[in-house]
Amino acid sequence: MIDKFEIANLLRETGVLLSVQGGNPFKSKAYLTGANALESLSEDIETVISENRLTTVPGIGPSLSAFIKEIFETGESKVLNRLREELPAGVIELSQVPGLTLKRIQALNSELGITSIEQLEAACQAGHVRNIKGFGVKTENSILSGIKSYRENRAKIHLFNAQKLAAEFRKHVKNSARLKHIEIAGKIRRWHEVIDEIEIVAESAKPQTVFSAVQSFPTVTRIEDETDNKISVRLADGITATVYVTEQFGAKLAERSGSEQHVEKLKELAKKQSLDYTGDELLKSGQTLESKTEEQFFKHLHIAVIPPELREGLDELDLAAQEDFEDLIQISDIQGMTHCHTTFSDGRDSVLEMAQAAEKMGMRFLTITDHSPTAHYAGGLPAEELKAQWRAIDEAQEQVGIKLLRGTECDILADGQLDYPPEILSQFDVVIASVHSRFRLDRTDMTRRLINCMKNPHFKIWGHPLGRLILRRDPIDCDVEAILDVMAESPAAIEINGDPYRLDIEPKWARAAKERGIKFIISTDAHSTRDYNNLKFGIHQARRAGLRRNDVLNALPVAEFATFVKPDKSRITT
């Protein structure tokens, strides 16, 4: 009899095939959500189906319920069979290669019979792909680069997904083993963009009880490693989850929440104080110093508790010695939502709906920044349609108490010019300038493009600066240091984009910008009111860079923010 994991795999295959086909993204996502829901189902699948209770499972509606029943009863699905017939063999695997569209996959399949990444790589290396119409040497090399990127990233998942999975895993283990203290650690706790392992620290004197709870998690497929106080398991989606069991919870949580470099520095600090930190416990003259909490652990070291986002082995121990974390940026500091789209471009909610939702959150201001004309794929606004948008902003302003600023996310064109003419740009309250095309310009041309933009007097905020899409598109190739040097000469800011699939700019470059005195905005890149939840991702990305309250413009009152971001008329020549 087919089990829930087999059905979930078929749901997931259907969702991916629908996505590759280019259909309704919400429909394909529903199949993936249903797969996760089915894998997490604690009840017997046969019982749930026989009692007609599938639609009571969160994430499974009537359509998915029918799909699941069909597979359970017949072993197959008409919808899935049709998709398999319509799409080329190996399309799911091949679609994982960045930049490989369905049209190209179909051409590779029909011309060379390629159905796997291994075959594709061999064909590229042999120079066969370049001979297909519409490909060429450059495309062939790009495909090889994409294959390399795929292999490096295939065992990794986005932070956003890892957090949800880790929370479910933690809750299951906590309840099953009846634990009081159990926390998510590792890169998830440090808010890294990409996660390759879920790490959990649990306090217990009975490791085997915890191990049994771990193994009973619905999506565990196998045990990868087990010692006296640690168990690692592989989950159905391919990621590894490791649980450490300890009685010195604070000491172990501190170890598993820091990078290797950070932990080494903690050990060096302990040694200077005649202590021995093993990672499992903190010892003084061979005796264990009780470290049930991280507060106890750091107190033994005579430093402040270091925020997890900073535990990378940089300057955090020096800051902790000075107890200098009080003004590290946090959500409560933010007074305005920035970089927000509406139905005037590719947003899903109206200006009024976006404004009301921001006001309900306690925001003092909101920037409406729909796309400019060149972003036609995202409903970019031609200049002649701006008046209608501005009228909608004025009408919404009459119904809300927060300040609405009219702006644009203006495309940076290939030569560095902005997408609207100067007479239009000067009428905005804020201009966010972003790259949305020509991502593969060579390093010299891309650097020149961005520096030209920085010198534009209307430029105020550099939107999702390096254009990356995590696990899908690498950052653009440019001389970031040179660009930051130019940017530091003008009153402009860098966006830290909170979209969990962007999280752009990286902490190392945010640190470099901060050293030059450049300011920041932390945005949600919201395309709906739900996307305001992205704010927490932007905040933690900023904290990883050590940004303080006074580094962030949208932590300012609206009048000060508006003054800073207004196009600088003193630099505009006519």
Protein backbone atom coordinates (compact mmCIF):
# COMPACT_ATOMS: atom_id res chain seq x y z
CA MET A 1 0.00 0.00 0.00
CA ILE A 2 1.30 3.44 -0.92
CA ASP A 3 2.28 5.50 2.16
CA LYS A 4 2.13 9.20 2.93
CA PHE A 5 5.76 9.81 1.96
CA GLU A 6 5.24 8.35 -1.51
CA ILE A 7 2.11 10.45 -1.98
CA ALA A 8 3.98 13.53 -0.73
CA ASN A 9 6.73 12.89 -3.29
CA LEU A 10 4.13 12.79 -6.08
CA LEU A 11 2.54 15.99 -4.77
CA ARG A 12 5.95 17.63 -4.75
CA GLU A 13 6.70 16.39 -8.29
CA THR A 14 3.38 17.81 -9.52
CA GLY A 15 4.08 21.17 -7.88
CA VAL A 16 7.54 21.40 -9.39
CA LEU A 17 6.31 20.40 -12.87
CA LEU A 18 3.58 23.04 -12.70
CA SER A 19 6.18 25.62 -11.68
CA VAL A 20 8.51 24.62 -14.54
CA GLN A 21 5.60 24.77 -16.95
CA GLY A 22 5.05 28.38 -15.92
CA GLY A 23 1.50 28.08 -14.68
CA ASN A 24 -0.18 29.77 -11.73
CA PRO A 25 2.57 30.03 -9.04
CA PHE A 26 0.00 29.79 -6.24
CA LYS A 27 -1.27 26.49 -7.63
CA SER A 28 2.19 24.94 -7.81
CA LYS A 29 2.97 26.23 -4.32
CA ALA A 30 -0.23 24.61 -3.03
CA TYR A 31 1.05 21.18 -4.09
CA LEU A 32 4.36 21.77 -2.30
CA THR A 33 2.53 22.96 0.82
CA GLY A 34 0.32 19.86 0.66
CA ALA A 35 3.39 17.63 0.43
CA ASN A 36 4.85 19.15 3.59
CA ALA A 37 1.49 18.85 5.36
CA LEU A 38 1.17 15.20 4.44
CA GLU A 39 4.71 14.35 5.58
CA SER A 40 4.02 15.99 8.93
CA LEU A 41 0.73 14.16 9.42
CA SER A 42 0.87 12.26 12.72
CA GLU A 43 -2.24 10.16 12.06
CA ASP A 44 -2.52 7.10 9.84
CA ILE A 45 -3.17 8.28 6.28
CA GLU A 46 -5.60 5.46 5.52
CA THR A 47 -7.73 6.39 8.53
CA VAL A 48 -7.81 10.07 7.61
CA ILE A 49 -8.84 9.26 4.03
CA SER A 50 -11.47 6.68 5.02
CA GLU A 51 -13.03 9.15 7.48
CA ASN A 52 -13.00 11.85 4.79
CA ARG A 53 -10.91 14.21 7.00
CA LEU A 54 -8.16 15.23 4.58
CA THR A 55 -9.48 18.76 4.23
CA THR A 56 -9.17 19.25 8.00
CA VAL A 57 -5.39 18.97 7.63
CA PRO A 58 -3.90 22.51 7.39
CA GLY A 59 -2.57 23.04 3.86
CA ILE A 60 -4.85 20.50 2.17
CA GLY A 61 -7.97 21.81 0.40
CA PRO A 62 -10.63 20.03 -1.69
CA SER A 63 -8.50 19.82 -4.87
CA LEU A 64 -5.48 18.37 -3.09
CA SER A 65 -7.74 16.05 -1.12
CA ALA A 66 -9.08 14.59 -4.39
CA PHE A 67 -5.53 14.32 -5.76
CA ILE A 68 -4.36 12.43 -2.66
CA LYS A 69 -7.36 10.09 -2.66
CA GLU A 70 -6.81 9.26 -6.33
CA ILE A 71 -3.17 8.34 -5.72
CA PHE A 72 -3.96 6.38 -2.56
CA GLU A 73 -6.64 4.34 -4.35
CA THR A 74 -5.02 3.90 -7.79
CA GLY A 75 -1.31 4.55 -7.26
CA GLU A 76 -1.25 7.33 -9.86
CA SER A 77 -2.68 10.72 -10.82
CA LYS A 78 -4.17 11.81 -14.14
CA VAL A 79 -2.89 15.36 -13.57
CA LEU A 80 0.66 14.17 -12.92
CA ASN A 81 0.58 11.73 -15.84
CA ARG A 82 -0.48 14.55 -18.17
CA LEU A 83 2.35 16.79 -16.96
CA ARG A 84 4.87 14.00 -17.44
CA GLU A 85 3.66 13.53 -21.02
CA GLU A 86 3.72 17.23 -21.85
CA LEU A 87 7.16 18.00 -20.42
CA PRO A 88 10.50 16.51 -21.49
CA ALA A 89 12.07 13.70 -19.48
CA GLY A 90 14.42 14.91 -16.76
CA VAL A 91 12.87 18.39 -16.70
CA ILE A 92 12.73 18.54 -12.88
CA GLU A 93 16.41 17.76 -12.48
CA LEU A 94 17.47 20.01 -15.36
CA SER A 95 15.33 22.91 -14.10
CA GLN A 96 17.50 23.02 -10.97
CA VAL A 97 20.36 24.44 -13.05
CA PRO A 98 20.26 28.26 -12.70
CA GLY A 99 19.27 30.01 -15.93
CA LEU A 100 18.00 26.86 -17.68
CA THR A 101 14.49 27.72 -18.88
CA LEU A 102 11.84 25.26 -20.05
CA LYS A 103 12.38 26.39 -23.66
CA ARG A 104 16.09 25.58 -23.41
CA ILE A 105 15.42 22.25 -21.69
CA GLN A 106 13.06 21.30 -24.51
CA ALA A 107 15.68 22.22 -27.10
CA LEU A 108 18.38 20.20 -25.30
CA ASN A 109 16.03 17.24 -25.10
CA SER A 110 14.90 17.31 -28.73
CA GLU A 111 18.32 18.07 -30.24
CA LEU A 112 20.64 16.01 -28.03
CA GLY A 113 18.31 13.74 -26.05
CA ILE A 114 19.54 15.23 -22.76
CA THR A 115 17.55 14.13 -19.71
CA SER A 116 20.01 14.59 -16.84
CA ILE A 117 22.53 17.06 -15.47
CA GLU A 118 25.35 14.57 -16.03
CA GLN A 119 24.44 14.28 -19.72
CA LEU A 120 24.15 18.05 -19.99
CA GLU A 121 27.57 18.58 -18.43
CA ALA A 122 29.18 16.04 -20.77
CA ALA A 123 27.54 17.65 -23.81
CA CYS A 124 28.76 21.11 -22.79
CA GLN A 125 32.29 19.87 -22.15
CA ALA A 126 32.31 18.18 -25.56
CA GLY A 127 31.16 21.42 -27.24
CA HIS A 128 27.88 19.97 -28.54
CA VAL A 129 25.49 22.40 -26.85
CA ARG A 130 26.94 25.47 -28.60
CA ASN A 131 25.74 24.05 -31.93
CA ILE A 132 22.06 24.18 -30.98
CA LYS A 133 20.26 27.16 -32.48
CA GLY A 134 20.00 29.98 -29.94
CA PHE A 135 22.74 28.71 -27.61
CA GLY A 136 26.40 29.40 -28.53
CA VAL A 137 29.69 29.25 -26.61
CA LYS A 138 28.67 31.87 -24.05
CA THR A 139 25.48 30.00 -23.17
CA GLU A 140 27.38 26.73 -22.98
CA ASN A 141 29.84 28.21 -20.47
CA SER A 142 26.97 29.75 -18.53
CA ILE A 143 25.31 26.34 -18.27
CA LEU A 144 28.52 24.78 -16.94
CA SER A 145 28.73 27.56 -14.36
CA GLY A 146 25.09 26.91 -13.42
CA ILE A 147 25.76 23.20 -12.97
CA LYS A 148 28.63 23.99 -10.63
CA SER A 149 26.41 26.34 -8.63
CA TYR A 150 23.65 23.72 -8.44
CA ARG A 151 26.00 21.10 -7.06
CA GLU A 152 27.35 23.46 -4.44
CA ASN A 153 23.86 24.42 -3.27
CA ARG A 154 21.69 21.30 -3.66
CA ALA A 155 22.02 20.27 0.01
CA LYS A 156 21.06 23.78 1.16
CA ILE A 157 17.76 25.52 1.84
CA HIS A 158 16.68 29.11 2.42
CA LEU A 159 16.70 30.43 5.96
CA PHE A 160 12.96 31.09 5.67
CA ASN A 161 12.21 27.41 4.99
CA ALA A 162 14.81 26.17 7.45
CA GLN A 163 13.26 28.20 10.27
CA LYS A 164 9.83 26.68 9.69
CA LEU A 165 11.21 23.15 9.46
CA ALA A 166 13.43 23.59 12.52
CA ALA A 167 10.52 25.00 14.55
CA GLU A 168 8.37 21.97 13.71
CA PHE A 169 11.25 19.62 14.50
CA ARG A 170 12.00 21.36 17.81
CA LYS A 171 8.34 21.32 18.87
CA HIS A 172 8.04 17.61 18.12
CA VAL A 173 11.19 16.66 20.05
CA LYS A 174 10.29 18.94 22.98
CA ASN A 175 6.79 17.50 23.34
CA SER A 176 7.76 13.87 22.68
CA ALA A 177 10.67 13.89 25.15
CA ARG A 178 8.90 16.29 27.55
CA LEU A 179 11.82 18.69 27.62
CA LYS A 180 11.93 22.01 29.41
CA HIS A 181 14.87 23.54 27.57
CA ILE A 182 15.48 22.95 23.88
CA GLU A 183 16.61 25.60 21.39
CA ILE A 184 17.50 26.00 17.73
CA ALA A 185 21.20 26.79 17.31
CA GLY A 186 23.73 26.92 14.47
CA LYS A 187 23.42 29.06 11.37
CA ILE A 188 19.66 29.37 11.77
CA ARG A 189 20.11 31.14 15.10
CA ARG A 190 22.74 33.39 13.51
CA TRP A 191 20.25 34.17 10.70
CA HIS A 192 22.47 32.98 7.83
CA GLU A 193 20.81 33.28 4.43
CA VAL A 194 21.42 29.65 3.47
CA ILE A 195 21.19 26.64 5.78
CA ASP A 196 22.84 23.26 5.27
CA GLU A 197 22.00 21.72 8.66
CA ILE A 198 19.46 22.13 11.43
CA GLU A 199 21.14 22.17 14.85
CA ILE A 200 19.23 21.76 18.10
CA VAL A 201 20.51 21.81 21.70
CA ALA A 202 18.41 19.96 24.30
CA GLU A 203 18.84 19.79 28.07
CA SER A 204 18.35 16.28 29.43
CA ALA A 205 20.02 13.64 31.57
CA LYS A 206 18.51 10.93 29.36
CA PRO A 207 19.93 11.16 25.82
CA GLN A 208 18.24 7.99 24.61
CA THR A 209 14.80 9.42 25.42
CA VAL A 210 15.64 12.44 23.28
CA PHE A 211 17.03 10.22 20.50
CA SER A 212 13.79 8.23 20.41
CA ALA A 213 11.83 11.45 20.08
CA VAL A 214 14.06 12.58 17.23
CA GLN A 215 13.61 9.31 15.34
CA SER A 216 9.82 9.54 15.64
CA PHE A 217 9.69 12.86 13.76
CA PRO A 218 7.50 12.12 10.68
CA THR A 219 10.01 13.13 7.99
CA VAL A 220 13.10 11.32 9.34
CA THR A 221 14.32 8.93 6.65
CA ARG A 222 17.49 7.57 8.26
CA ILE A 223 20.00 7.95 11.09
CA GLU A 224 23.30 9.33 9.82
CA ASP A 225 25.30 9.40 13.06
CA GLU A 226 24.80 8.68 16.76
CA THR A 227 27.10 9.08 19.77
CA ASP A 228 26.51 9.21 23.52
CA ASN A 229 25.15 12.77 23.41
CA LYS A 230 24.42 13.52 19.75
CA ILE A 231 22.20 12.19 16.98
CA SER A 232 22.11 13.24 13.33
CA VAL A 233 19.24 12.26 11.04
CA ARG A 234 18.38 12.88 7.40
CA LEU A 235 14.98 14.44 6.74
CA ALA A 236 12.78 13.80 3.72
CA ASP A 237 13.74 17.05 2.00
CA GLY A 238 17.42 16.08 2.10
CA ILE A 239 18.66 18.28 4.93
CA THR A 240 20.41 16.90 8.04
CA ALA A 241 19.13 17.64 11.54
CA THR A 242 21.48 17.19 14.52
CA VAL A 243 20.42 17.24 18.17
CA TYR A 244 22.95 17.68 20.97
CA VAL A 245 21.93 16.53 24.44
CA THR A 246 23.57 18.08 27.51
CA GLU A 247 23.09 18.97 31.15
CA GLN A 248 25.12 22.19 30.77
CA PHE A 249 22.63 23.80 28.42
CA GLY A 250 24.09 27.33 28.36
CA ALA A 251 27.64 26.21 27.62
CA LYS A 252 26.56 23.88 24.82
CA LEU A 253 24.10 26.35 23.30
CA ALA A 254 26.88 28.96 23.20
CA GLU A 255 29.16 26.53 21.38
CA ARG A 256 26.61 25.38 18.80
CA SER A 257 25.40 28.95 18.14
CA GLY A 258 28.79 30.35 17.10
CA SER A 259 31.09 29.92 14.12
CA GLU A 260 34.29 27.91 14.59
CA GLN A 261 36.27 31.14 14.78
CA HIS A 262 33.95 32.54 17.44
CA VAL A 263 34.17 29.39 19.58
CA GLU A 264 37.97 29.41 19.34
CA LYS A 265 38.00 32.99 20.60
CA LEU A 266 35.73 31.99 23.50
CA LYS A 267 38.17 29.22 24.39
CA GLU A 268 41.10 31.64 24.24
CA LEU A 269 39.24 34.09 26.49
CA ALA A 270 38.45 31.31 28.96
CA LYS A 271 42.11 30.25 29.01
CA LYS A 272 43.21 33.81 29.83
CA GLN A 273 40.95 33.63 32.88
CA SER A 274 42.37 30.24 33.98
CA LEU A 275 39.25 28.45 32.76
CA ASP A 276 38.85 25.58 30.33
CA TYR A 277 35.99 25.67 27.84
CA THR A 278 35.52 22.30 26.16
CA GLY A 279 32.39 23.24 24.25
CA ASP A 280 30.35 20.88 26.41
CA GLU A 281 31.12 22.64 29.68
CA LEU A 282 33.16 25.36 31.36
CA LEU A 283 35.72 24.15 33.91
CA LYS A 284 37.68 25.82 36.69
CA SER A 285 40.48 23.72 38.24
CA GLY A 286 38.80 20.66 36.76
CA GLN A 287 35.42 21.45 38.32
CA THR A 288 32.34 22.23 36.26
CA LEU A 289 31.04 25.78 36.51
CA GLU A 290 27.28 25.60 36.29
CA SER A 291 26.19 27.03 32.94
CA LYS A 292 22.53 26.12 32.67
CA THR A 293 21.86 29.34 30.73
CA GLU A 294 23.86 31.44 28.32
CA GLU A 295 23.63 34.31 30.80
CA GLN A 296 25.47 32.18 33.36
CA PHE A 297 28.02 31.07 30.78
CA PHE A 298 28.92 34.58 29.60
CA LYS A 299 28.92 35.90 33.16
CA HIS A 300 31.67 33.37 34.03
CA LEU A 301 33.69 34.90 31.16
CA HIS A 302 33.00 38.46 32.44
CA ILE A 303 31.47 39.66 29.19
CA ALA A 304 27.96 40.58 28.05
CA VAL A 305 25.78 38.03 26.28
CA ILE A 306 26.70 38.33 22.61
CA PRO A 307 23.74 38.53 20.19
CA PRO A 308 23.75 35.33 18.11
CA GLU A 309 23.88 37.25 14.80
CA LEU A 310 27.33 38.59 15.74
CA ARG A 311 28.95 35.30 16.75
CA GLU A 312 31.24 35.06 13.72
CA GLY A 313 34.71 35.49 15.23
CA LEU A 314 35.15 39.16 14.28
CA ASP A 315 35.10 41.96 16.89
CA GLU A 316 32.18 40.70 18.98
CA LEU A 317 34.26 39.71 22.05
CA ASP A 318 35.74 43.21 22.25
CA LEU A 319 32.25 44.69 22.06
CA ALA A 320 31.01 42.23 24.68
CA ALA A 321 33.79 43.29 27.05
CA GLN A 322 32.45 46.84 26.71
CA GLU A 323 28.83 45.61 26.93
CA ASP A 324 28.25 47.58 23.72
CA PHE A 325 25.10 46.02 22.21
CA GLU A 326 22.38 48.28 23.57
CA ASP A 327 21.74 50.25 20.38
CA LEU A 328 22.07 47.37 17.92
CA ILE A 329 19.17 47.83 15.49
CA GLN A 330 15.92 46.05 16.36
CA ILE A 331 12.38 45.91 14.98
CA SER A 332 11.00 48.35 17.56
CA ASP A 333 13.37 51.03 16.19
CA ILE A 334 11.78 51.04 12.74
CA GLN A 335 9.37 53.93 12.13
CA GLY A 336 8.64 53.48 8.44
CA MET A 337 8.08 50.77 5.84
CA THR A 338 10.23 51.35 2.77
CA HIS A 339 10.31 49.84 -0.73
CA CYS A 340 6.66 48.82 -1.07
CA HIS A 341 4.76 47.88 -4.23
CA THR A 342 1.04 48.18 -4.92
CA THR A 343 -1.42 47.12 -7.60
CA PHE A 344 -0.07 50.01 -9.70
CA SER A 345 2.81 47.68 -10.65
CA ASP A 346 3.28 44.09 -9.48
CA GLY A 347 1.87 44.39 -5.96
CA ARG A 348 -1.21 42.46 -4.83
CA ASP A 349 -2.73 45.08 -2.52
CA SER A 350 -3.87 48.65 -3.13
CA VAL A 351 -2.19 51.81 -1.87
CA LEU A 352 -4.87 52.18 0.81
CA GLU A 353 -4.57 48.55 1.94
CA MET A 354 -0.79 48.84 2.19
CA ALA A 355 -1.12 52.09 4.14
CA GLN A 356 -3.72 50.76 6.56
CA ALA A 357 -1.68 47.63 7.26
CA ALA A 358 1.48 49.66 7.91
CA GLU A 359 -0.43 51.98 10.24
CA LYS A 360 -1.87 48.99 12.12
CA MET A 361 1.70 47.79 12.72
CA GLY A 362 2.54 51.09 14.37
CA MET A 363 4.53 52.58 11.49
CA ARG A 364 4.77 56.37 11.17
CA PHE A 365 5.37 56.46 7.41
CA LEU A 366 5.29 54.37 4.24
CA THR A 367 7.07 54.77 0.90
CA ILE A 368 5.11 53.70 -2.19
CA THR A 369 7.76 52.64 -4.72
CA ASP A 370 6.23 50.90 -7.70
CA HIS A 371 8.36 49.87 -10.67
CA SER A 372 9.46 52.18 -13.49
CA PRO A 373 8.54 51.61 -17.18
CA THR A 374 11.47 49.40 -18.23
CA ALA A 375 10.31 46.77 -15.72
CA HIS A 376 7.38 46.03 -18.05
CA TYR A 377 7.29 42.40 -16.84
CA ALA A 378 6.43 43.80 -13.39
CA GLY A 379 3.83 46.28 -14.62
CA GLY A 380 6.25 49.22 -14.52
CA LEU A 381 4.48 52.58 -14.53
CA PRO A 382 4.80 54.76 -17.64
CA ALA A 383 5.21 58.44 -16.81
CA GLU A 384 1.68 59.24 -18.04
CA GLU A 385 0.18 56.84 -15.45
CA LEU A 386 2.00 58.32 -12.47
CA LYS A 387 -0.66 60.97 -11.89
CA ALA A 388 -3.25 58.24 -11.27
CA GLN A 389 -0.96 56.65 -8.71
CA TRP A 390 -0.23 59.96 -7.01
CA ARG A 391 -3.95 60.67 -6.87
CA ALA A 392 -4.49 57.28 -5.17
CA ILE A 393 -1.74 58.12 -2.68
CA ASP A 394 -3.39 61.49 -1.92
CA GLU A 395 -6.77 59.81 -1.45
CA ALA A 396 -5.29 57.16 0.84
CA GLN A 397 -3.48 59.86 2.82
CA GLU A 398 -6.85 61.33 3.77
CA GLN A 399 -7.86 58.01 5.35
CA VAL A 400 -4.75 57.15 7.38
CA GLY A 401 -2.70 58.88 10.04
CA ILE A 402 0.73 57.82 8.80
CA LYS A 403 2.68 59.84 6.25
CA LEU A 404 2.68 58.44 2.72
CA LEU A 405 5.69 59.26 0.53
CA ARG A 406 5.48 58.87 -3.21
CA GLY A 407 8.46 57.18 -4.73
CA THR A 408 9.71 54.77 -7.33
CA GLU A 409 11.87 51.70 -7.65
CA CYS A 410 13.56 53.01 -10.74
CA ASP A 411 15.53 50.71 -13.02
CA ILE A 412 19.24 51.40 -13.45
CA LEU A 413 19.71 51.14 -17.19
CA ALA A 414 22.74 49.53 -18.81
CA ASP A 415 24.59 52.86 -19.08
CA GLY A 416 23.84 53.85 -15.48
CA GLN A 417 21.04 56.28 -16.35
CA LEU A 418 17.76 56.11 -14.45
CA ASP A 419 14.58 54.98 -16.14
CA TYR A 420 12.55 58.20 -15.71
CA PRO A 421 13.68 61.58 -17.07
CA PRO A 422 14.97 64.21 -14.58
CA GLU A 423 11.76 66.26 -14.66
CA ILE A 424 9.83 63.20 -13.41
CA LEU A 425 12.45 62.02 -10.90
CA SER A 426 12.53 65.43 -9.23
CA GLN A 427 8.84 65.10 -8.34
CA PHE A 428 9.28 61.95 -6.23
CA ASP A 429 9.81 62.04 -2.48
CA VAL A 430 12.19 59.09 -2.72
CA VAL A 431 14.03 57.28 -5.52
CA ILE A 432 15.19 53.70 -5.02
CA ALA A 433 17.44 52.68 -7.91
CA SER A 434 17.82 48.97 -8.69
CA VAL A 435 19.29 46.67 -11.34
CA HIS A 436 16.62 44.42 -12.86
CA SER A 437 18.25 43.46 -16.16
CA ARG A 438 21.58 42.90 -17.90
CA PHE A 439 22.93 41.11 -14.81
CA ARG A 440 25.78 39.56 -16.79
CA LEU A 441 27.60 42.68 -17.88
CA ASP A 442 31.32 42.18 -17.38
CA ARG A 443 32.91 43.48 -14.20
CA THR A 444 34.25 46.70 -15.75
CA ASP A 445 30.99 47.65 -17.48
CA MET A 446 28.85 46.77 -14.44
CA THR A 447 31.08 48.85 -12.17
CA ARG A 448 30.92 51.79 -14.57
CA ARG A 449 27.13 51.39 -14.81
CA LEU A 450 26.67 51.57 -11.04
CA ILE A 451 29.15 54.39 -10.47
CA ASN A 452 27.36 56.44 -13.14
CA CYS A 453 24.12 55.86 -11.25
CA MET A 454 25.67 56.90 -7.93
CA LYS A 455 26.63 60.25 -9.47
CA ASN A 456 23.06 60.96 -10.57
CA PRO A 457 21.71 63.73 -8.27
CA HIS A 458 18.28 62.04 -8.17
CA PHE A 459 19.77 58.78 -6.87
CA LYS A 460 19.15 58.31 -3.15
CA ILE A 461 18.85 54.61 -2.29
CA TRP A 462 20.62 51.64 -3.90
CA GLY A 463 17.96 48.91 -4.03
CA HIS A 464 18.82 45.21 -3.49
CA PRO A 465 22.34 46.28 -4.41
CA LEU A 466 23.96 43.18 -5.92
CA GLY A 467 20.80 41.68 -7.38
CA ARG A 468 21.23 38.22 -5.97
CA LEU A 469 18.46 35.65 -5.62
CA ILE A 470 19.64 33.19 -2.98
CA LEU A 471 20.38 29.73 -4.41
CA ARG A 472 19.17 30.93 -7.81
CA ARG A 473 21.25 33.88 -9.00
CA ASP A 474 24.71 34.95 -7.88
CA PRO A 475 25.46 38.58 -6.98
CA ILE A 476 26.38 40.76 -9.95
CA ASP A 477 30.10 40.99 -10.67
CA CYS A 478 31.40 44.46 -9.90
CA ASP A 479 34.04 46.34 -7.89
CA VAL A 480 31.96 46.92 -4.76
CA GLU A 481 34.75 48.78 -2.95
CA ALA A 482 35.06 51.30 -5.79
CA ILE A 483 31.30 51.80 -5.90
CA LEU A 484 31.12 52.35 -2.14
CA ASP A 485 33.94 54.91 -2.37
CA VAL A 486 31.92 56.93 -4.87
CA MET A 487 28.71 56.49 -2.93
CA ALA A 488 30.32 57.77 0.25
CA GLU A 489 30.85 61.13 -1.47
CA SER A 490 27.11 61.75 -1.87
CA PRO A 491 24.15 61.76 0.52
CA ALA A 492 22.77 58.37 -0.43
CA ALA A 493 21.90 55.12 1.33
CA ILE A 494 22.04 51.38 0.76
CA GLU A 495 19.04 49.12 1.08
CA ILE A 496 19.18 45.98 3.18
CA ASN A 497 16.43 44.06 1.45
CA GLY A 498 14.38 41.90 3.81
CA ASP A 499 12.92 39.62 1.14
CA PRO A 500 14.15 36.24 2.50
CA TYR A 501 15.03 35.15 -1.03
CA ARG A 502 17.23 38.23 -1.52
CA LEU A 503 18.67 39.41 1.83
CA ASP A 504 20.78 41.77 -0.17
CA ILE A 505 23.29 43.30 0.70
CA GLU A 506 25.58 40.78 2.40
CA PRO A 507 26.90 41.63 5.90
CA LYS A 508 30.52 41.97 4.78
CA TRP A 509 29.59 44.72 2.31
CA ALA A 510 27.26 46.40 4.80
CA ARG A 511 30.20 46.55 7.23
CA ALA A 512 32.40 48.04 4.51
CA ALA A 513 29.73 50.66 3.76
CA LYS A 514 29.27 51.48 7.45
CA GLU A 515 33.02 52.07 7.76
CA ARG A 516 32.66 54.71 5.03
CA GLY A 517 29.84 56.44 6.90
CA ILE A 518 27.14 55.34 4.44
CA LYS A 519 23.60 55.08 5.81
CA PHE A 520 21.04 52.32 5.24
CA ILE A 521 17.37 51.60 4.95
CA ILE A 522 15.96 48.24 6.01
CA SER A 523 13.17 47.33 3.63
CA THR A 524 10.55 44.64 3.21
CA ASP A 525 10.38 44.83 -0.62
CA ALA A 526 6.69 44.22 0.07
CA HIS A 527 4.39 43.19 -2.78
CA SER A 528 1.50 42.62 -0.37
CA THR A 529 0.62 43.46 3.22
CA ARG A 530 1.77 39.95 4.20
CA ASP A 531 5.26 40.82 3.00
CA TYR A 532 5.62 43.30 5.84
CA ASN A 533 6.68 40.20 7.77
CA ASN A 534 9.92 40.40 5.79
CA LEU A 535 11.01 43.19 8.13
CA LYS A 536 12.43 40.76 10.67
CA PHE A 537 14.70 39.22 8.03
CA GLY A 538 16.04 42.65 7.08
CA ILE A 539 16.60 43.55 10.73
CA HIS A 540 18.59 40.43 11.49
CA GLN A 541 20.62 40.81 8.29
CA ALA A 542 21.48 44.32 9.48
CA ARG A 543 22.37 43.07 12.96
CA ARG A 544 24.76 40.55 11.40
CA ALA A 545 26.61 43.58 9.99
CA GLY A 546 26.63 45.25 13.40
CA LEU A 547 24.36 48.10 12.33
CA ARG A 548 23.15 50.45 15.04
CA ARG A 549 20.00 52.51 15.33
CA ASN A 550 21.72 55.64 14.03
CA ASP A 551 22.92 53.81 10.90
CA VAL A 552 19.36 53.20 9.69
CA LEU A 553 17.35 55.98 8.05
CA ASN A 554 13.91 54.47 8.53
CA ALA A 555 14.56 54.44 12.27
CA LEU A 556 14.34 58.25 12.03
CA PRO A 557 11.20 60.35 12.43
CA VAL A 558 9.46 60.91 9.10
CA ALA A 559 10.57 64.53 8.68
CA GLU A 560 14.26 63.61 9.00
CA PHE A 561 13.85 60.57 6.76
CA ALA A 562 12.04 62.56 4.09
CA THR A 563 14.71 65.27 4.12
CA PHE A 564 17.50 62.75 3.61
CA VAL A 565 15.87 60.80 0.76
CA LYS A 566 14.50 63.76 -1.19
CA PRO A 567 16.37 64.22 -4.51
CA ASP A 568 19.19 66.71 -3.91
CA LYS A 569 18.25 69.77 -5.97
CA SER A 570 21.57 71.44 -5.17
CA ARG A 571 23.28 68.72 -7.23
CA ILE A 572 20.83 68.89 -10.13
CA THR A 573 22.00 70.84 -13.16
CA THR A 574 19.60 71.97 -15.84
